[in-house]
Amino acid sequence: MIINGSPTDEFSMENGVRQGDPVSPFLFIIVMEGLNMAMKTTVDKGVFYGIKFPNSNICLSHLFYAIDALFIEEWSRRNIANLTRILRCFYVASGLKVNFSKSKVFGVGASTSEVSNWASPLCCGPSSLPFTYLGILVGENMNLKNAWRPIIEKFHSKFFV
């Protein structure tokens, strides 16, 4: 497009998609699919090691739910360093940055000091099981009656007022 004899951009770029824009959830899903494929590729190429299920070819390395991501991995410095690199590349490619100050590292069967050591390269806080996610305890032994008590109480408070 030419205005007053000088070439200009056809479209001017501004601040991007505004919060509340009806297109933004779709754009987010498309971008997260990129992270999903990046994680699958790194697992296939042996760059990142997820958890392998015995007697099967299934390897679990990540789960996404809404805007949350859960990375499941073998407990090694190499995996932590590679996850940091993967997330940095994701940020450079997409512009979506992980808020590490809100992120946590959990270690199953690991001491608190060991979890703290593993969390520091990611600049995350260490945490332990069980923890609450969306109002539900995660990591609790659900075979025990007491583990179900908060769920039952929440159900009663919502439906039997």
N, C-alpha and C. Protein backbone atom coordinates (compact mmCIF):
# COMPACT_ATOMS: atom_id res chain seq x y z
N MET A 1 0.84 -1.17 0.00
CA MET A 1 0.00 0.00 0.00
C MET A 1 0.90 1.24 0.00
N ILE A 2 0.52 2.23 -0.77
CA ILE A 2 1.31 3.46 -0.84
C ILE A 2 0.43 4.63 -0.43
N ILE A 3 0.93 5.39 0.53
CA ILE A 3 0.23 6.58 0.99
C ILE A 3 1.17 7.76 0.79
N ASN A 4 0.68 8.78 0.11
CA ASN A 4 1.48 9.97 -0.17
C ASN A 4 2.81 9.61 -0.84
N GLY A 5 2.79 8.60 -1.68
CA GLY A 5 3.98 8.25 -2.44
C GLY A 5 5.02 7.45 -1.69
N SER A 6 4.80 7.09 -0.41
CA SER A 6 5.80 6.30 0.32
C SER A 6 5.21 4.95 0.69
N PRO A 7 6.01 3.88 0.53
CA PRO A 7 5.50 2.55 0.86
C PRO A 7 5.35 2.40 2.38
N THR A 8 4.28 1.75 2.79
CA THR A 8 4.05 1.46 4.21
C THR A 8 3.65 0.01 4.36
N ASP A 9 3.69 -0.48 5.55
CA ASP A 9 3.22 -1.86 5.81
C ASP A 9 1.73 -1.93 5.55
N GLU A 10 1.31 -3.07 5.04
CA GLU A 10 -0.10 -3.25 4.79
C GLU A 10 -0.89 -3.36 6.09
N PHE A 11 -0.30 -4.02 7.08
CA PHE A 11 -0.93 -4.18 8.40
C PHE A 11 0.06 -3.71 9.45
N SER A 12 -0.40 -2.91 10.38
CA SER A 12 0.49 -2.51 11.46
C SER A 12 0.32 -3.47 12.63
N MET A 13 1.44 -3.91 13.19
CA MET A 13 1.40 -4.84 14.33
C MET A 13 1.40 -4.03 15.61
N GLU A 14 0.54 -4.47 16.54
CA GLU A 14 0.48 -3.77 17.81
C GLU A 14 0.74 -4.74 18.94
N ASN A 15 -0.08 -4.73 19.98
CA ASN A 15 0.16 -5.50 21.19
C ASN A 15 -0.24 -6.96 21.11
N GLY A 16 -0.73 -7.44 20.01
CA GLY A 16 -1.13 -8.84 19.91
C GLY A 16 -2.60 -9.02 20.26
N VAL A 17 -2.95 -10.22 20.68
CA VAL A 17 -4.34 -10.55 21.00
C VAL A 17 -4.68 -10.01 22.38
N ARG A 18 -5.81 -9.37 22.48
CA ARG A 18 -6.24 -8.82 23.77
C ARG A 18 -6.86 -9.90 24.64
N GLN A 19 -6.74 -9.72 25.94
CA GLN A 19 -7.37 -10.65 26.88
C GLN A 19 -8.88 -10.62 26.67
N GLY A 20 -9.48 -11.80 26.63
CA GLY A 20 -10.91 -11.90 26.41
C GLY A 20 -11.29 -12.04 24.94
N ASP A 21 -10.31 -11.92 24.05
CA ASP A 21 -10.59 -12.10 22.62
C ASP A 21 -11.06 -13.54 22.39
N PRO A 22 -12.15 -13.75 21.66
CA PRO A 22 -12.67 -15.10 21.47
C PRO A 22 -11.71 -16.03 20.72
N VAL A 23 -10.73 -15.49 20.03
CA VAL A 23 -9.77 -16.31 19.29
C VAL A 23 -8.64 -16.83 20.20
N SER A 24 -8.39 -16.15 21.33
CA SER A 24 -7.22 -16.49 22.15
C SER A 24 -7.19 -17.93 22.66
N PRO A 25 -8.31 -18.56 23.08
CA PRO A 25 -8.20 -19.96 23.50
C PRO A 25 -7.74 -20.88 22.36
N PHE A 26 -8.18 -20.61 21.14
CA PHE A 26 -7.77 -21.43 20.01
C PHE A 26 -6.29 -21.25 19.70
N LEU A 27 -5.82 -20.01 19.78
CA LEU A 27 -4.40 -19.75 19.56
C LEU A 27 -3.55 -20.44 20.62
N PHE A 28 -4.02 -20.41 21.87
CA PHE A 28 -3.29 -21.06 22.95
C PHE A 28 -3.20 -22.56 22.71
N ILE A 29 -4.30 -23.18 22.27
CA ILE A 29 -4.30 -24.62 22.00
C ILE A 29 -3.32 -24.95 20.88
N ILE A 30 -3.29 -24.13 19.85
CA ILE A 30 -2.36 -24.37 18.74
C ILE A 30 -0.92 -24.28 19.22
N VAL A 31 -0.61 -23.29 20.04
CA VAL A 31 0.75 -23.12 20.55
C VAL A 31 1.12 -24.28 21.48
N MET A 32 0.19 -24.70 22.33
CA MET A 32 0.47 -25.81 23.24
C MET A 32 0.65 -27.13 22.48
N GLU A 33 0.01 -27.25 21.34
CA GLU A 33 0.24 -28.44 20.50
C GLU A 33 1.69 -28.45 20.02
N GLY A 34 2.26 -27.28 19.79
CA GLY A 34 3.68 -27.19 19.45
C GLY A 34 4.55 -27.70 20.57
N LEU A 35 4.23 -27.33 21.81
CA LEU A 35 5.00 -27.83 22.96
C LEU A 35 4.80 -29.34 23.11
N ASN A 36 3.60 -29.83 22.87
CA ASN A 36 3.32 -31.26 22.92
C ASN A 36 4.21 -32.01 21.92
N MET A 37 4.27 -31.52 20.69
CA MET A 37 5.10 -32.17 19.67
C MET A 37 6.58 -32.07 20.01
N ALA A 38 7.00 -30.95 20.57
CA ALA A 38 8.40 -30.81 20.97
C ALA A 38 8.76 -31.83 22.05
N MET A 39 7.86 -32.01 23.01
CA MET A 39 8.12 -32.99 24.07
C MET A 39 8.16 -34.41 23.51
N LYS A 40 7.22 -34.75 22.62
CA LYS A 40 7.21 -36.08 22.01
C LYS A 40 8.50 -36.33 21.24
N THR A 41 8.95 -35.33 20.50
CA THR A 41 10.18 -35.48 19.71
C THR A 41 11.40 -35.67 20.61
N THR A 42 11.49 -34.88 21.68
CA THR A 42 12.65 -35.02 22.57
C THR A 42 12.67 -36.37 23.27
N VAL A 43 11.50 -36.92 23.58
CA VAL A 43 11.44 -38.25 24.18
C VAL A 43 11.86 -39.30 23.15
N ASP A 44 11.33 -39.18 21.92
CA ASP A 44 11.67 -40.14 20.86
C ASP A 44 13.16 -40.14 20.53
N LYS A 45 13.80 -38.97 20.60
CA LYS A 45 15.22 -38.86 20.27
C LYS A 45 16.14 -39.11 21.46
N GLY A 46 15.56 -39.38 22.64
CA GLY A 46 16.38 -39.67 23.81
C GLY A 46 16.98 -38.45 24.48
N VAL A 47 16.42 -37.28 24.23
CA VAL A 47 16.90 -36.05 24.87
C VAL A 47 16.26 -35.89 26.24
N PHE A 48 15.02 -36.32 26.38
CA PHE A 48 14.26 -36.22 27.62
C PHE A 48 13.70 -37.59 27.94
N TYR A 49 13.83 -38.01 29.19
CA TYR A 49 13.36 -39.34 29.59
C TYR A 49 12.17 -39.22 30.52
N GLY A 50 11.03 -39.69 30.03
CA GLY A 50 9.84 -39.74 30.86
C GLY A 50 9.84 -41.02 31.68
N ILE A 51 8.69 -41.37 32.20
CA ILE A 51 8.53 -42.59 32.99
C ILE A 51 7.95 -43.68 32.10
N LYS A 52 8.66 -44.81 32.01
CA LYS A 52 8.18 -45.93 31.21
C LYS A 52 7.36 -46.86 32.08
N PHE A 53 6.23 -47.31 31.53
CA PHE A 53 5.39 -48.27 32.22
C PHE A 53 5.93 -49.67 31.97
N PRO A 54 5.98 -50.50 33.00
CA PRO A 54 6.50 -51.85 32.81
C PRO A 54 5.60 -52.67 31.87
N ASN A 55 6.20 -53.55 31.12
CA ASN A 55 5.51 -54.47 30.21
C ASN A 55 4.71 -53.75 29.13
N SER A 56 5.14 -52.54 28.72
CA SER A 56 4.47 -51.84 27.63
C SER A 56 5.46 -50.87 26.99
N ASN A 57 5.08 -50.30 25.87
CA ASN A 57 5.90 -49.29 25.19
C ASN A 57 5.48 -47.88 25.56
N ILE A 58 4.61 -47.72 26.55
CA ILE A 58 4.10 -46.41 26.93
C ILE A 58 5.13 -45.66 27.77
N CYS A 59 5.38 -44.42 27.38
CA CYS A 59 6.28 -43.54 28.12
C CYS A 59 5.52 -42.24 28.39
N LEU A 60 5.37 -41.91 29.65
CA LEU A 60 4.65 -40.70 30.06
C LEU A 60 5.66 -39.61 30.37
N SER A 61 5.60 -38.50 29.64
CA SER A 61 6.56 -37.42 29.85
C SER A 61 5.89 -36.10 30.22
N HIS A 62 4.62 -35.93 29.85
CA HIS A 62 3.96 -34.65 30.12
C HIS A 62 2.44 -34.82 30.03
N LEU A 63 1.76 -33.95 30.76
CA LEU A 63 0.30 -33.87 30.72
C LEU A 63 -0.07 -32.39 30.69
N PHE A 64 -1.07 -32.04 29.90
CA PHE A 64 -1.57 -30.67 29.86
C PHE A 64 -3.03 -30.67 30.28
N TYR A 65 -3.39 -29.69 31.11
CA TYR A 65 -4.79 -29.50 31.49
C TYR A 65 -5.04 -28.01 31.59
N ALA A 66 -5.93 -27.49 30.75
CA ALA A 66 -6.23 -26.06 30.69
C ALA A 66 -4.91 -25.31 30.48
N ILE A 67 -4.52 -24.45 31.41
CA ILE A 67 -3.27 -23.70 31.24
C ILE A 67 -2.13 -24.29 32.06
N ASP A 68 -2.34 -25.47 32.63
CA ASP A 68 -1.31 -26.11 33.45
C ASP A 68 -0.59 -27.19 32.66
N ALA A 69 0.68 -27.35 32.97
CA ALA A 69 1.50 -28.39 32.35
C ALA A 69 2.20 -29.16 33.46
N LEU A 70 2.23 -30.47 33.32
CA LEU A 70 2.89 -31.35 34.28
C LEU A 70 3.93 -32.14 33.50
N PHE A 71 5.20 -32.01 33.88
CA PHE A 71 6.28 -32.74 33.24
C PHE A 71 6.71 -33.86 34.17
N ILE A 72 6.70 -35.07 33.65
CA ILE A 72 7.00 -36.27 34.43
C ILE A 72 8.28 -36.86 33.86
N GLU A 73 9.26 -37.05 34.73
CA GLU A 73 10.57 -37.44 34.20
C GLU A 73 11.35 -38.31 35.16
N GLU A 74 12.36 -38.95 34.59
CA GLU A 74 13.34 -39.64 35.42
C GLU A 74 14.08 -38.58 36.23
N TRP A 75 14.50 -38.94 37.40
CA TRP A 75 15.15 -38.03 38.32
C TRP A 75 16.63 -37.93 37.95
N SER A 76 17.01 -36.97 37.09
CA SER A 76 18.42 -36.81 36.72
C SER A 76 18.71 -35.34 36.39
N ARG A 77 19.96 -34.94 36.60
CA ARG A 77 20.39 -33.57 36.28
C ARG A 77 20.24 -33.31 34.79
N ARG A 78 20.52 -34.32 33.97
CA ARG A 78 20.42 -34.17 32.51
C ARG A 78 18.98 -33.84 32.12
N ASN A 79 18.01 -34.53 32.70
CA ASN A 79 16.62 -34.27 32.39
C ASN A 79 16.20 -32.85 32.81
N ILE A 80 16.63 -32.43 33.98
CA ILE A 80 16.29 -31.08 34.46
C ILE A 80 16.89 -30.03 33.51
N ALA A 81 18.16 -30.21 33.12
CA ALA A 81 18.81 -29.26 32.22
C ALA A 81 18.12 -29.25 30.86
N ASN A 82 17.75 -30.42 30.35
CA ASN A 82 17.09 -30.48 29.04
C ASN A 82 15.68 -29.90 29.10
N LEU A 83 14.96 -30.12 30.20
CA LEU A 83 13.64 -29.51 30.34
C LEU A 83 13.75 -27.99 30.36
N THR A 84 14.76 -27.47 31.02
CA THR A 84 15.00 -26.02 31.04
C THR A 84 15.23 -25.51 29.62
N ARG A 85 16.04 -26.24 28.85
CA ARG A 85 16.31 -25.85 27.46
C ARG A 85 15.05 -25.91 26.59
N ILE A 86 14.27 -26.98 26.76
CA ILE A 86 13.04 -27.14 25.98
C ILE A 86 12.09 -25.98 26.25
N LEU A 87 11.92 -25.63 27.53
CA LEU A 87 11.00 -24.54 27.88
C LEU A 87 11.52 -23.19 27.42
N ARG A 88 12.85 -23.01 27.40
CA ARG A 88 13.43 -21.77 26.89
C ARG A 88 13.18 -21.65 25.38
N CYS A 89 13.36 -22.76 24.65
CA CYS A 89 13.08 -22.76 23.20
C CYS A 89 11.60 -22.50 22.94
N PHE A 90 10.74 -23.08 23.76
CA PHE A 90 9.30 -22.85 23.64
C PHE A 90 8.98 -21.37 23.80
N TYR A 91 9.62 -20.72 24.76
CA TYR A 91 9.41 -19.29 24.98
C TYR A 91 9.87 -18.47 23.78
N VAL A 92 11.05 -18.79 23.25
CA VAL A 92 11.58 -18.04 22.11
C VAL A 92 10.67 -18.22 20.89
N ALA A 93 10.16 -19.43 20.68
CA ALA A 93 9.33 -19.71 19.51
C ALA A 93 7.92 -19.15 19.63
N SER A 94 7.35 -19.19 20.84
CA SER A 94 5.94 -18.85 21.00
C SER A 94 5.69 -17.52 21.70
N GLY A 95 6.63 -17.07 22.50
CA GLY A 95 6.42 -15.86 23.29
C GLY A 95 5.72 -16.15 24.61
N LEU A 96 5.35 -17.42 24.85
CA LEU A 96 4.72 -17.81 26.12
C LEU A 96 5.79 -18.26 27.10
N LYS A 97 5.88 -17.55 28.21
CA LYS A 97 6.92 -17.83 29.19
C LYS A 97 6.32 -18.54 30.39
N VAL A 98 6.99 -19.57 30.86
CA VAL A 98 6.56 -20.30 32.04
C VAL A 98 6.84 -19.44 33.27
N ASN A 99 5.85 -19.32 34.13
CA ASN A 99 6.03 -18.57 35.38
C ASN A 99 6.62 -19.53 36.41
N PHE A 100 7.95 -19.57 36.47
CA PHE A 100 8.62 -20.52 37.36
C PHE A 100 8.39 -20.21 38.83
N SER A 101 8.07 -18.95 39.15
CA SER A 101 7.82 -18.62 40.56
C SER A 101 6.53 -19.28 41.06
N LYS A 102 5.61 -19.62 40.15
CA LYS A 102 4.38 -20.32 40.53
C LYS A 102 4.51 -21.83 40.34
N SER A 103 5.62 -22.28 39.78
CA SER A 103 5.80 -23.70 39.48
C SER A 103 6.43 -24.42 40.67
N LYS A 104 6.19 -25.71 40.76
CA LYS A 104 6.72 -26.53 41.86
C LYS A 104 7.38 -27.78 41.31
N VAL A 105 8.36 -28.29 42.05
CA VAL A 105 9.01 -29.56 41.74
C VAL A 105 8.67 -30.53 42.87
N PHE A 106 8.20 -31.71 42.47
CA PHE A 106 7.85 -32.77 43.42
C PHE A 106 8.77 -33.95 43.18
N GLY A 107 9.19 -34.59 44.24
CA GLY A 107 10.00 -35.80 44.12
C GLY A 107 9.33 -36.93 44.86
N VAL A 108 9.01 -37.98 44.13
CA VAL A 108 8.38 -39.15 44.76
C VAL A 108 9.49 -40.02 45.34
N GLY A 109 9.45 -40.23 46.65
CA GLY A 109 10.46 -41.03 47.32
C GLY A 109 11.79 -40.32 47.50
N ALA A 110 11.80 -38.99 47.38
CA ALA A 110 13.02 -38.20 47.52
C ALA A 110 12.93 -37.34 48.78
N SER A 111 14.08 -37.04 49.35
CA SER A 111 14.12 -36.20 50.55
C SER A 111 13.82 -34.75 50.18
N THR A 112 13.45 -33.96 51.18
CA THR A 112 13.14 -32.55 50.97
C THR A 112 14.36 -31.79 50.45
N SER A 113 15.53 -32.08 50.98
CA SER A 113 16.74 -31.38 50.52
C SER A 113 17.09 -31.75 49.08
N GLU A 114 16.86 -33.01 48.71
CA GLU A 114 17.12 -33.43 47.34
C GLU A 114 16.17 -32.73 46.36
N VAL A 115 14.90 -32.62 46.73
CA VAL A 115 13.92 -31.92 45.89
C VAL A 115 14.31 -30.45 45.75
N SER A 116 14.78 -29.83 46.82
CA SER A 116 15.23 -28.43 46.76
C SER A 116 16.40 -28.27 45.79
N ASN A 117 17.33 -29.21 45.83
CA ASN A 117 18.48 -29.15 44.91
C ASN A 117 18.05 -29.27 43.45
N TRP A 118 17.06 -30.12 43.18
CA TRP A 118 16.57 -30.31 41.81
C TRP A 118 15.73 -29.12 41.35
N ALA A 119 15.07 -28.45 42.27
CA ALA A 119 14.21 -27.33 41.91
C ALA A 119 15.01 -26.06 41.58
N SER A 120 16.19 -25.91 42.17
CA SER A 120 16.95 -24.67 41.99
C SER A 120 17.36 -24.38 40.55
N PRO A 121 17.78 -25.34 39.70
CA PRO A 121 18.11 -24.97 38.32
C PRO A 121 16.91 -24.44 37.53
N LEU A 122 15.71 -24.85 37.90
CA LEU A 122 14.51 -24.36 37.22
C LEU A 122 13.96 -23.08 37.84
N CYS A 123 14.55 -22.65 38.97
CA CYS A 123 14.06 -21.49 39.71
C CYS A 123 12.63 -21.71 40.19
N CYS A 124 12.32 -22.95 40.55
CA CYS A 124 11.00 -23.32 41.07
C CYS A 124 11.11 -23.55 42.57
N GLY A 125 9.97 -23.58 43.22
CA GLY A 125 9.95 -23.94 44.62
C GLY A 125 9.81 -25.45 44.78
N PRO A 126 10.41 -26.03 45.81
CA PRO A 126 10.22 -27.45 46.08
C PRO A 126 8.88 -27.67 46.78
N SER A 127 8.29 -28.82 46.61
CA SER A 127 7.06 -29.16 47.30
C SER A 127 7.02 -30.65 47.54
N SER A 128 5.96 -31.11 48.21
CA SER A 128 5.86 -32.54 48.52
C SER A 128 4.42 -33.00 48.37
N LEU A 129 4.26 -34.28 48.29
CA LEU A 129 2.94 -34.90 48.19
C LEU A 129 2.38 -35.12 49.58
N PRO A 130 1.10 -35.10 49.78
CA PRO A 130 0.05 -34.70 48.86
C PRO A 130 -0.04 -33.19 48.75
N PHE A 131 -0.66 -32.72 47.66
CA PHE A 131 -0.92 -31.31 47.45
C PHE A 131 -2.32 -31.16 46.88
N THR A 132 -2.86 -29.96 46.94
CA THR A 132 -4.21 -29.71 46.46
C THR A 132 -4.15 -29.11 45.07
N TYR A 133 -4.91 -29.68 44.13
CA TYR A 133 -5.03 -29.16 42.78
C TYR A 133 -6.50 -29.12 42.42
N LEU A 134 -7.01 -27.93 42.11
CA LEU A 134 -8.42 -27.73 41.82
C LEU A 134 -9.31 -28.26 42.94
N GLY A 135 -8.85 -28.10 44.17
CA GLY A 135 -9.64 -28.50 45.33
C GLY A 135 -9.58 -29.97 45.67
N ILE A 136 -8.77 -30.74 44.96
CA ILE A 136 -8.67 -32.18 45.20
C ILE A 136 -7.24 -32.51 45.64
N LEU A 137 -7.11 -33.39 46.62
CA LEU A 137 -5.79 -33.82 47.06
C LEU A 137 -5.18 -34.75 46.02
N VAL A 138 -3.95 -34.47 45.63
CA VAL A 138 -3.21 -35.30 44.68
C VAL A 138 -2.07 -35.96 45.46
N GLY A 139 -1.93 -37.25 45.27
CA GLY A 139 -0.85 -37.97 45.94
C GLY A 139 -1.27 -38.59 47.25
N GLU A 140 -2.52 -38.47 47.60
CA GLU A 140 -3.05 -39.06 48.82
C GLU A 140 -3.44 -40.51 48.53
N ASN A 141 -3.40 -41.35 49.54
CA ASN A 141 -3.83 -42.74 49.39
C ASN A 141 -5.36 -42.76 49.37
N MET A 142 -5.93 -42.91 48.17
CA MET A 142 -7.38 -42.84 48.02
C MET A 142 -8.08 -44.12 48.46
N ASN A 143 -7.35 -45.10 48.95
CA ASN A 143 -7.97 -46.29 49.53
C ASN A 143 -8.44 -46.04 50.96
N LEU A 144 -8.02 -44.93 51.52
CA LEU A 144 -8.42 -44.59 52.89
C LEU A 144 -9.65 -43.70 52.89
N LYS A 145 -10.56 -43.95 53.84
CA LYS A 145 -11.78 -43.15 53.94
C LYS A 145 -11.48 -41.68 54.18
N ASN A 146 -10.50 -41.39 55.02
CA ASN A 146 -10.19 -40.00 55.37
C ASN A 146 -9.75 -39.18 54.16
N ALA A 147 -9.18 -39.82 53.16
CA ALA A 147 -8.74 -39.10 51.97
C ALA A 147 -9.95 -38.56 51.19
N TRP A 148 -11.09 -39.23 51.30
CA TRP A 148 -12.30 -38.81 50.58
C TRP A 148 -13.12 -37.77 51.34
N ARG A 149 -12.82 -37.57 52.62
CA ARG A 149 -13.61 -36.66 53.45
C ARG A 149 -13.73 -35.25 52.87
N PRO A 150 -12.63 -34.58 52.45
CA PRO A 150 -12.78 -33.22 51.91
C PRO A 150 -13.66 -33.18 50.65
N ILE A 151 -13.59 -34.20 49.84
CA ILE A 151 -14.40 -34.25 48.61
C ILE A 151 -15.87 -34.40 48.97
N ILE A 152 -16.16 -35.28 49.90
CA ILE A 152 -17.54 -35.50 50.33
C ILE A 152 -18.10 -34.25 50.99
N GLU A 153 -17.30 -33.60 51.83
CA GLU A 153 -17.75 -32.37 52.49
C GLU A 153 -18.02 -31.26 51.47
N LYS A 154 -17.17 -31.14 50.46
CA LYS A 154 -17.38 -30.13 49.42
C LYS A 154 -18.66 -30.44 48.63
N PHE A 155 -18.88 -31.70 48.34
CA PHE A 155 -20.09 -32.13 47.63
C PHE A 155 -21.33 -31.77 48.45
N HIS A 156 -21.31 -32.10 49.74
CA HIS A 156 -22.45 -31.79 50.61
C HIS A 156 -22.70 -30.28 50.71
N SER A 157 -21.63 -29.51 50.80
CA SER A 157 -21.79 -28.05 50.93
C SER A 157 -22.40 -27.43 49.66
N LYS A 158 -22.15 -28.02 48.51
CA LYS A 158 -22.67 -27.49 47.24
C LYS A 158 -24.10 -27.92 46.96
N PHE A 159 -24.43 -29.16 47.33
CA PHE A 159 -25.72 -29.71 46.91
C PHE A 159 -26.74 -29.85 48.04
N PHE A 160 -26.31 -29.91 49.26
CA PHE A 160 -27.24 -30.11 50.38
C PHE A 160 -27.15 -28.95 51.35
N VAL A 161 -27.45 -27.76 50.88
CA VAL A 161 -27.36 -26.56 51.72
C VAL A 161 -28.55 -26.45 52.62
